[in-house]
Amino acid sequence: MALRIKSKWHKTERNEQLERTLADHAGAFAFIAWKIAKERSNNLWVEYFTYETHAQRFVVICEYLAFMVQIADRLLYGALSDEDRAIFIN
């Protein structure tokens, strides 16, 4: 199953005047990471990985999210200062 991820901000007059902050980018990353983690947990279920409870599925989603946050932190290591990286990751 394909997952659609938007890679551009909506274009409106109001949005074109706004400068995107680090918090805006972090929020977009969080939303995309959540979609990916949820989709991956669904794919595991389709491949006959059985969740006995919803809590187990949530733990799998949390593991995916932790992994993606770690990857984002490593990718941003040289590009942002430590303070900006902390803002993005937190």
PDB file of N, CA and C in Angstrom:
ATOM      1  N   MET A   1       0.844  -1.168   0.000  1.00  0.00           N
ATOM      2  CA  MET A   1       0.000   0.000   0.000  1.00  0.00           C
ATOM      3  C   MET A   1       0.898   1.242   0.000  1.00  0.00           C
ATOM      4  N   ALA A   2       0.589   2.206  -0.840  1.00  0.00           N
ATOM      5  CA  ALA A   2       1.380   3.427  -0.945  1.00  0.00           C
ATOM      6  C   ALA A   2       0.947   4.438   0.110  1.00  0.00           C
ATOM      7  N   LEU A   3       1.906   5.210   0.550  1.00  0.00           N
ATOM      8  CA  LEU A   3       1.650   6.242   1.546  1.00  0.00           C
ATOM      9  C   LEU A   3       1.965   7.591   0.924  1.00  0.00           C
ATOM     10  N   ARG A   4       1.010   8.491   0.942  1.00  0.00           N
ATOM     11  CA  ARG A   4       1.208   9.810   0.346  1.00  0.00           C
ATOM     12  C   ARG A   4       1.751  10.755   1.407  1.00  0.00           C
ATOM     13  N   ILE A   5       2.897  11.362   1.089  1.00  0.00           N
ATOM     14  CA  ILE A   5       3.498  12.343   1.976  1.00  0.00           C
ATOM     15  C   ILE A   5       3.653  13.642   1.196  1.00  0.00           C
ATOM     16  N   LYS A   6       3.072  14.690   1.704  1.00  0.00           N
ATOM     17  CA  LYS A   6       3.176  15.993   1.051  1.00  0.00           C
ATOM     18  C   LYS A   6       4.544  16.594   1.355  1.00  0.00           C
ATOM     19  N   SER A   7       5.172  17.152   0.322  1.00  0.00           N
ATOM     20  CA  SER A   7       6.515  17.706   0.499  1.00  0.00           C
ATOM     21  C   SER A   7       6.571  19.209   0.279  1.00  0.00           C
ATOM     22  N   LYS A   8       5.422  19.840   0.104  1.00  0.00           N
ATOM     23  CA  LYS A   8       5.378  21.290  -0.100  1.00  0.00           C
ATOM     24  C   LYS A   8       4.299  21.886   0.790  1.00  0.00           C
ATOM     25  N   TRP A   9       4.505  23.146   1.206  1.00  0.00           N
ATOM     26  CA  TRP A   9       3.508  23.857   1.989  1.00  0.00           C
ATOM     27  C   TRP A   9       2.386  24.309   1.058  1.00  0.00           C
ATOM     28  N   HIS A  10       1.184  24.462   1.585  1.00  0.00           N
ATOM     29  CA  HIS A  10       0.066  24.990   0.803  1.00  0.00           C
ATOM     30  C   HIS A  10       0.393  26.408   0.364  1.00  0.00           C
ATOM     31  N   LYS A  11       0.013  26.753  -0.858  1.00  0.00           N
ATOM     32  CA  LYS A  11       0.273  28.102  -1.362  1.00  0.00           C
ATOM     33  C   LYS A  11      -0.995  28.939  -1.286  1.00  0.00           C
ATOM     34  N   THR A  12      -0.985  29.901  -0.404  1.00  0.00           N
ATOM     35  CA  THR A  12      -2.032  30.913  -0.330  1.00  0.00           C
ATOM     36  C   THR A  12      -1.339  32.245  -0.097  1.00  0.00           C
ATOM     37  N   GLU A  13      -2.050  33.329  -0.271  1.00  0.00           N
ATOM     38  CA  GLU A  13      -1.445  34.637  -0.048  1.00  0.00           C
ATOM     39  C   GLU A  13      -0.940  34.769   1.378  1.00  0.00           C
ATOM     40  N   ARG A  14      -1.717  34.301   2.310  1.00  0.00           N
ATOM     41  CA  ARG A  14      -1.337  34.410   3.720  1.00  0.00           C
ATOM     42  C   ARG A  14      -0.090  33.575   4.003  1.00  0.00           C
ATOM     43  N   ASN A  15      -0.029  32.347   3.466  1.00  0.00           N
ATOM     44  CA  ASN A  15       1.098  31.461   3.719  1.00  0.00           C
ATOM     45  C   ASN A  15       2.371  31.907   3.015  1.00  0.00           C
ATOM     46  N   GLU A  16       2.241  32.562   1.861  1.00  0.00           N
ATOM     47  CA  GLU A  16       3.430  32.999   1.147  1.00  0.00           C
ATOM     48  C   GLU A  16       4.154  34.106   1.897  1.00  0.00           C
ATOM     49  N   GLN A  17       3.443  34.846   2.715  1.00  0.00           N
ATOM     50  CA  GLN A  17       4.053  35.927   3.470  1.00  0.00           C
ATOM     51  C   GLN A  17       4.723  35.421   4.744  1.00  0.00           C
ATOM     52  N   LEU A  18       4.355  34.258   5.193  1.00  0.00           N
ATOM     53  CA  LEU A  18       4.902  33.722   6.435  1.00  0.00           C
ATOM     54  C   LEU A  18       6.243  33.042   6.200  1.00  0.00           C
ATOM     55  N   GLU A  19       7.154  33.282   7.105  1.00  0.00           N
ATOM     56  CA  GLU A  19       8.425  32.566   7.098  1.00  0.00           C
ATOM     57  C   GLU A  19       8.242  31.333   7.988  1.00  0.00           C
ATOM     58  N   ARG A  20       8.608  30.185   7.486  1.00  0.00           N
ATOM     59  CA  ARG A  20       8.444  28.949   8.255  1.00  0.00           C
ATOM     60  C   ARG A  20       9.492  28.891   9.366  1.00  0.00           C
ATOM     61  N   THR A  21       9.033  28.623  10.570  1.00  0.00           N
ATOM     62  CA  THR A  21       9.942  28.530  11.711  1.00  0.00           C
ATOM     63  C   THR A  21      10.422  27.097  11.878  1.00  0.00           C
ATOM     64  N   LEU A  22      11.393  26.940  12.727  1.00  0.00           N
ATOM     65  CA  LEU A  22      11.895  25.606  13.032  1.00  0.00           C
ATOM     66  C   LEU A  22      10.789  24.758  13.667  1.00  0.00           C
ATOM     67  N   ALA A  23       9.953  25.384  14.469  1.00  0.00           N
ATOM     68  CA  ALA A  23       8.830  24.673  15.089  1.00  0.00           C
ATOM     69  C   ALA A  23       7.824  24.207  14.031  1.00  0.00           C
ATOM     70  N   ASP A  24       7.624  25.004  12.989  1.00  0.00           N
ATOM     71  CA  ASP A  24       6.730  24.593  11.896  1.00  0.00           C
ATOM     72  C   ASP A  24       7.267  23.349  11.198  1.00  0.00           C
ATOM     73  N   HIS A  25       8.559  23.352  10.920  1.00  0.00           N
ATOM     74  CA  HIS A  25       9.174  22.197  10.273  1.00  0.00           C
ATOM     75  C   HIS A  25       9.146  20.975  11.187  1.00  0.00           C
ATOM     76  N   ALA A  26       9.356  21.196  12.468  1.00  0.00           N
ATOM     77  CA  ALA A  26       9.317  20.086  13.430  1.00  0.00           C
ATOM     78  C   ALA A  26       7.910  19.483  13.502  1.00  0.00           C
ATOM     79  N   GLY A  27       6.893  20.341  13.470  1.00  0.00           N
ATOM     80  CA  GLY A  27       5.511  19.853  13.485  1.00  0.00           C
ATOM     81  C   GLY A  27       5.182  19.050  12.247  1.00  0.00           C
ATOM     82  N   ALA A  28       5.672  19.516  11.099  1.00  0.00           N
ATOM     83  CA  ALA A  28       5.444  18.771   9.855  1.00  0.00           C
ATOM     84  C   ALA A  28       6.150  17.422   9.913  1.00  0.00           C
ATOM     85  N   PHE A  29       7.381  17.402  10.436  1.00  0.00           N
ATOM     86  CA  PHE A  29       8.102  16.141  10.580  1.00  0.00           C
ATOM     87  C   PHE A  29       7.356  15.188  11.512  1.00  0.00           C
ATOM     88  N   ALA A  30       6.841  15.710  12.629  1.00  0.00           N
ATOM     89  CA  ALA A  30       6.119  14.873  13.585  1.00  0.00           C
ATOM     90  C   ALA A  30       4.884  14.242  12.942  1.00  0.00           C
ATOM     91  N   PHE A  31       4.158  15.028  12.153  1.00  0.00           N
ATOM     92  CA  PHE A  31       2.969  14.510  11.488  1.00  0.00           C
ATOM     93  C   PHE A  31       3.334  13.414  10.483  1.00  0.00           C
ATOM     94  N   ILE A  32       4.373  13.660   9.698  1.00  0.00           N
ATOM     95  CA  ILE A  32       4.811  12.664   8.712  1.00  0.00           C
ATOM     96  C   ILE A  32       5.325  11.410   9.405  1.00  0.00           C
ATOM     97  N   ALA A  33       6.085  11.581  10.476  1.00  0.00           N
ATOM     98  CA  ALA A  33       6.604  10.422  11.219  1.00  0.00           C
ATOM     99  C   ALA A  33       5.457   9.588  11.787  1.00  0.00           C
ATOM    100  N   TRP A  34       4.430  10.258  12.308  1.00  0.00           N
ATOM    101  CA  TRP A  34       3.266   9.542  12.835  1.00  0.00           C
ATOM    102  C   TRP A  34       2.582   8.739  11.736  1.00  0.00           C
ATOM    103  N   LYS A  35       2.395   9.354  10.550  1.00  0.00           N
ATOM    104  CA  LYS A  35       1.753   8.648   9.444  1.00  0.00           C
ATOM    105  C   LYS A  35       2.566   7.413   9.031  1.00  0.00           C
ATOM    106  N   ILE A  36       3.882   7.564   8.955  1.00  0.00           N
ATOM    107  CA  ILE A  36       4.742   6.446   8.562  1.00  0.00           C
ATOM    108  C   ILE A  36       4.677   5.335   9.598  1.00  0.00           C
ATOM    109  N   ALA A  37       4.775   5.690  10.881  1.00  0.00           N
ATOM    110  CA  ALA A  37       4.750   4.684  11.936  1.00  0.00           C
ATOM    111  C   ALA A  37       3.420   3.935  11.957  1.00  0.00           C
ATOM    112  N   LYS A  38       2.340   4.662  11.790  1.00  0.00           N
ATOM    113  CA  LYS A  38       1.019   4.022  11.767  1.00  0.00           C
ATOM    114  C   LYS A  38       0.884   3.087  10.573  1.00  0.00           C
ATOM    115  N   GLU A  39       1.356   3.537   9.409  1.00  0.00           N
ATOM    116  CA  GLU A  39       1.294   2.713   8.200  1.00  0.00           C
ATOM    117  C   GLU A  39       2.144   1.449   8.342  1.00  0.00           C
ATOM    118  N   ARG A  40       3.329   1.590   8.902  1.00  0.00           N
ATOM    119  CA  ARG A  40       4.213   0.423   9.094  1.00  0.00           C
ATOM    120  C   ARG A  40       3.584  -0.578  10.059  1.00  0.00           C
ATOM    121  N   SER A  41       2.941  -0.092  11.125  1.00  0.00           N
ATOM    122  CA  SER A  41       2.301  -1.017  12.059  1.00  0.00           C
ATOM    123  C   SER A  41       1.126  -1.727  11.390  1.00  0.00           C
ATOM    124  N   ASN A  42       0.421  -1.036  10.504  1.00  0.00           N
ATOM    125  CA  ASN A  42      -0.659  -1.675   9.743  1.00  0.00           C
ATOM    126  C   ASN A  42      -0.100  -2.731   8.795  1.00  0.00           C
ATOM    127  N   ASN A  43       1.028  -2.427   8.154  1.00  0.00           N
ATOM    128  CA  ASN A  43       1.639  -3.400   7.245  1.00  0.00           C
ATOM    129  C   ASN A  43       2.092  -4.651   7.980  1.00  0.00           C
ATOM    130  N   LEU A  44       2.578  -4.497   9.210  1.00  0.00           N
ATOM    131  CA  LEU A  44       2.935  -5.680   9.998  1.00  0.00           C
ATOM    132  C   LEU A  44       1.710  -6.551  10.246  1.00  0.00           C
ATOM    133  N   TRP A  45       0.590  -5.903  10.540  1.00  0.00           N
ATOM    134  CA  TRP A  45      -0.644  -6.644  10.796  1.00  0.00           C
ATOM    135  C   TRP A  45      -1.091  -7.381   9.534  1.00  0.00           C
ATOM    136  N   VAL A  46      -0.969  -6.721   8.374  1.00  0.00           N
ATOM    137  CA  VAL A  46      -1.337  -7.352   7.102  1.00  0.00           C
ATOM    138  C   VAL A  46      -0.439  -8.564   6.822  1.00  0.00           C
ATOM    139  N   GLU A  47       0.808  -8.476   7.250  1.00  0.00           N
ATOM    140  CA  GLU A  47       1.754  -9.585   7.057  1.00  0.00           C
ATOM    141  C   GLU A  47       1.657 -10.627   8.169  1.00  0.00           C
ATOM    142  N   TYR A  48       0.520 -10.648   8.865  1.00  0.00           N
ATOM    143  CA  TYR A  48       0.188 -11.666   9.868  1.00  0.00           C
ATOM    144  C   TYR A  48       0.984 -11.547  11.158  1.00  0.00           C
ATOM    145  N   PHE A  49       1.463 -10.360  11.491  1.00  0.00           N
ATOM    146  CA  PHE A  49       1.994 -10.106  12.823  1.00  0.00           C
ATOM    147  C   PHE A  49       0.787  -9.771  13.680  1.00  0.00           C
ATOM    148  N   THR A  50       0.496 -10.594  14.672  1.00  0.00           N
ATOM    149  CA  THR A  50      -0.745 -10.413  15.427  1.00  0.00           C
ATOM    150  C   THR A  50      -0.512  -9.564  16.672  1.00  0.00           C
ATOM    151  N   TYR A  51      -1.346  -8.550  16.822  1.00  0.00           N
ATOM    152  CA  TYR A  51      -1.367  -7.742  18.039  1.00  0.00           C
ATOM    153  C   TYR A  51      -2.492  -8.291  18.904  1.00  0.00           C
ATOM    154  N   GLU A  52      -2.164  -8.663  20.131  1.00  0.00           N
ATOM    155  CA  GLU A  52      -3.207  -9.172  21.019  1.00  0.00           C
ATOM    156  C   GLU A  52      -4.025  -8.043  21.627  1.00  0.00           C
ATOM    157  N   THR A  53      -3.394  -6.879  21.780  1.00  0.00           N
ATOM    158  CA  THR A  53      -4.103  -5.719  22.319  1.00  0.00           C
ATOM    159  C   THR A  53      -3.699  -4.476  21.516  1.00  0.00           C
ATOM    160  N   HIS A  54      -4.467  -3.421  21.679  1.00  0.00           N
ATOM    161  CA  HIS A  54      -4.117  -2.157  21.030  1.00  0.00           C
ATOM    162  C   HIS A  54      -2.850  -1.569  21.648  1.00  0.00           C
ATOM    163  N   ALA A  55      -2.604  -1.909  22.911  1.00  0.00           N
ATOM    164  CA  ALA A  55      -1.389  -1.423  23.571  1.00  0.00           C
ATOM    165  C   ALA A  55      -0.141  -1.962  22.883  1.00  0.00           C
ATOM    166  N   GLN A  56      -0.186  -3.195  22.430  1.00  0.00           N
ATOM    167  CA  GLN A  56       0.953  -3.760  21.710  1.00  0.00           C
ATOM    168  C   GLN A  56       1.186  -3.009  20.400  1.00  0.00           C
ATOM    169  N   ARG A  57       0.129  -2.698  19.703  1.00  0.00           N
ATOM    170  CA  ARG A  57       0.265  -1.940  18.459  1.00  0.00           C
ATOM    171  C   ARG A  57       0.838  -0.564  18.738  1.00  0.00           C
ATOM    172  N   PHE A  58       0.411   0.069  19.815  1.00  0.00           N
ATOM    173  CA  PHE A  58       0.922   1.378  20.181  1.00  0.00           C
ATOM    174  C   PHE A  58       2.408   1.324  20.510  1.00  0.00           C
ATOM    175  N   VAL A  59       2.852   0.257  21.139  1.00  0.00           N
ATOM    176  CA  VAL A  59       4.280   0.089  21.444  1.00  0.00           C
ATOM    177  C   VAL A  59       5.088  -0.009  20.149  1.00  0.00           C
ATOM    178  N   VAL A  60       4.576  -0.708  19.159  1.00  0.00           N
ATOM    179  CA  VAL A  60       5.251  -0.811  17.862  1.00  0.00           C
ATOM    180  C   VAL A  60       5.338   0.571  17.211  1.00  0.00           C
ATOM    181  N   ILE A  61       4.259   1.332  17.262  1.00  0.00           N
ATOM    182  CA  ILE A  61       4.262   2.686  16.704  1.00  0.00           C
ATOM    183  C   ILE A  61       5.298   3.545  17.425  1.00  0.00           C
ATOM    184  N   CYS A  62       5.377   3.441  18.739  1.00  0.00           N
ATOM    185  CA  CYS A  62       6.359   4.208  19.512  1.00  0.00           C
ATOM    186  C   CYS A  62       7.786   3.840  19.128  1.00  0.00           C
ATOM    187  N   GLU A  63       8.036   2.568  18.868  1.00  0.00           N
ATOM    188  CA  GLU A  63       9.373   2.146  18.440  1.00  0.00           C
ATOM    189  C   GLU A  63       9.741   2.749  17.092  1.00  0.00           C
ATOM    190  N   TYR A  64       8.808   2.747  16.167  1.00  0.00           N
ATOM    191  CA  TYR A  64       9.050   3.380  14.867  1.00  0.00           C
ATOM    192  C   TYR A  64       9.326   4.869  15.047  1.00  0.00           C
ATOM    193  N   LEU A  65       8.543   5.538  15.889  1.00  0.00           N
ATOM    194  CA  LEU A  65       8.737   6.970  16.112  1.00  0.00           C
ATOM    195  C   LEU A  65      10.095   7.259  16.735  1.00  0.00           C
ATOM    196  N   ALA A  66      10.496   6.455  17.709  1.00  0.00           N
ATOM    197  CA  ALA A  66      11.807   6.646  18.344  1.00  0.00           C
ATOM    198  C   ALA A  66      12.926   6.490  17.323  1.00  0.00           C
ATOM    199  N   PHE A  67      12.786   5.515  16.447  1.00  0.00           N
ATOM    200  CA  PHE A  67      13.786   5.289  15.408  1.00  0.00           C
ATOM    201  C   PHE A  67      13.867   6.484  14.458  1.00  0.00           C
ATOM    202  N   MET A  68      12.716   7.013  14.032  1.00  0.00           N
ATOM    203  CA  MET A  68      12.718   8.137  13.103  1.00  0.00           C
ATOM    204  C   MET A  68      13.237   9.419  13.746  1.00  0.00           C
ATOM    205  N   VAL A  69      12.968   9.620  15.028  1.00  0.00           N
ATOM    206  CA  VAL A  69      13.512  10.782  15.730  1.00  0.00           C
ATOM    207  C   VAL A  69      15.028  10.676  15.814  1.00  0.00           C
ATOM    208  N   GLN A  70      15.536   9.494  16.084  1.00  0.00           N
ATOM    209  CA  GLN A  70      16.983   9.278  16.129  1.00  0.00           C
ATOM    210  C   GLN A  70      17.620   9.566  14.773  1.00  0.00           C
ATOM    211  N   ILE A  71      16.996   9.119  13.706  1.00  0.00           N
ATOM    212  CA  ILE A  71      17.515   9.388  12.354  1.00  0.00           C
ATOM    213  C   ILE A  71      17.508  10.887  12.070  1.00  0.00           C
ATOM    214  N   ALA A  72      16.410  11.566  12.409  1.00  0.00           N
ATOM    215  CA  ALA A  72      16.329  13.012  12.174  1.00  0.00           C
ATOM    216  C   ALA A  72      17.412  13.747  12.958  1.00  0.00           C
ATOM    217  N   ASP A  73      17.648  13.343  14.194  1.00  0.00           N
ATOM    218  CA  ASP A  73      18.671  13.971  15.010  1.00  0.00           C
ATOM    219  C   ASP A  73      20.053  13.799  14.381  1.00  0.00           C
ATOM    220  N   ARG A  74      20.356  12.625  13.896  1.00  0.00           N
ATOM    221  CA  ARG A  74      21.658  12.378  13.264  1.00  0.00           C
ATOM    222  C   ARG A  74      21.799  13.164  11.964  1.00  0.00           C
ATOM    223  N   LEU A  75      20.731  13.296  11.199  1.00  0.00           N
ATOM    224  CA  LEU A  75      20.795  14.050   9.946  1.00  0.00           C
ATOM    225  C   LEU A  75      20.976  15.551  10.194  1.00  0.00           C
ATOM    226  N   LEU A  76      20.414  16.049  11.284  1.00  0.00           N
ATOM    227  CA  LEU A  76      20.499  17.470  11.593  1.00  0.00           C
ATOM    228  C   LEU A  76      21.744  17.836  12.387  1.00  0.00           C
ATOM    229  N   TYR A  77      22.537  16.857  12.774  1.00  0.00           N
ATOM    230  CA  TYR A  77      23.683  17.090  13.655  1.00  0.00           C
ATOM    231  C   TYR A  77      24.628  18.165  13.120  1.00  0.00           C
ATOM    232  N   GLY A  78      25.019  18.101  11.888  1.00  0.00           N
ATOM    233  CA  GLY A  78      25.941  19.079  11.336  1.00  0.00           C
ATOM    234  C   GLY A  78      25.270  20.317  10.774  1.00  0.00           C
ATOM    235  N   ALA A  79      23.976  20.226  10.519  1.00  0.00           N
ATOM    236  CA  ALA A  79      23.274  21.318   9.847  1.00  0.00           C
ATOM    237  C   ALA A  79      22.749  22.387  10.818  1.00  0.00           C
ATOM    238  N   LEU A  80      22.420  22.013  12.039  1.00  0.00           N
ATOM    239  CA  LEU A  80      21.846  22.947  13.004  1.00  0.00           C
ATOM    240  C   LEU A  80      22.725  23.024  14.244  1.00  0.00           C
ATOM    241  N   SER A  81      22.589  24.132  14.963  1.00  0.00           N
ATOM    242  CA  SER A  81      23.289  24.249  16.243  1.00  0.00           C
ATOM    243  C   SER A  81      22.630  23.306  17.248  1.00  0.00           C
ATOM    244  N   ASP A  82      23.314  23.076  18.355  1.00  0.00           N
ATOM    245  CA  ASP A  82      22.766  22.174  19.374  1.00  0.00           C
ATOM    246  C   ASP A  82      21.435  22.688  19.925  1.00  0.00           C
ATOM    247  N   GLU A  83      21.316  24.008  20.086  1.00  0.00           N
ATOM    248  CA  GLU A  83      20.074  24.583  20.608  1.00  0.00           C
ATOM    249  C   GLU A  83      18.925  24.394  19.616  1.00  0.00           C
ATOM    250  N   ASP A  84      19.199  24.660  18.335  1.00  0.00           N
ATOM    251  CA  ASP A  84      18.158  24.481  17.319  1.00  0.00           C
ATOM    252  C   ASP A  84      17.779  23.012  17.160  1.00  0.00           C
ATOM    253  N   ARG A  85      18.766  22.139  17.238  1.00  0.00           N
ATOM    254  CA  ARG A  85      18.472  20.705  17.151  1.00  0.00           C
ATOM    255  C   ARG A  85      17.603  20.266  18.314  1.00  0.00           C
ATOM    256  N   ALA A  86      17.867  20.779  19.490  1.00  0.00           N
ATOM    257  CA  ALA A  86      17.047  20.442  20.672  1.00  0.00           C
ATOM    258  C   ALA A  86      15.616  20.930  20.484  1.00  0.00           C
ATOM    259  N   ILE A  87      15.444  22.127  19.914  1.00  0.00           N
ATOM    260  CA  ILE A  87      14.093  22.645  19.658  1.00  0.00           C
ATOM    261  C   ILE A  87      13.369  21.728  18.663  1.00  0.00           C
ATOM    262  N   PHE A  88      14.045  21.347  17.602  1.00  0.00           N
ATOM    263  CA  PHE A  88      13.422  20.507  16.581  1.00  0.00           C
ATOM    264  C   PHE A  88      13.042  19.148  17.154  1.00  0.00           C
ATOM    265  N   ILE A  89      13.954  18.517  17.847  1.00  0.00           N
ATOM    266  CA  ILE A  89      13.714  17.149  18.335  1.00  0.00           C
ATOM    267  C   ILE A  89      12.674  17.137  19.453  1.00  0.00           C
ATOM    268  N   ASN A  90      12.715  18.101  20.339  1.00  0.00           N
ATOM    269  CA  ASN A  90      11.752  18.120  21.446  1.00  0.00           C
ATOM    270  C   ASN A  90      10.389  18.566  20.977  1.00  0.00           C
TER     271      ASN A  90
END
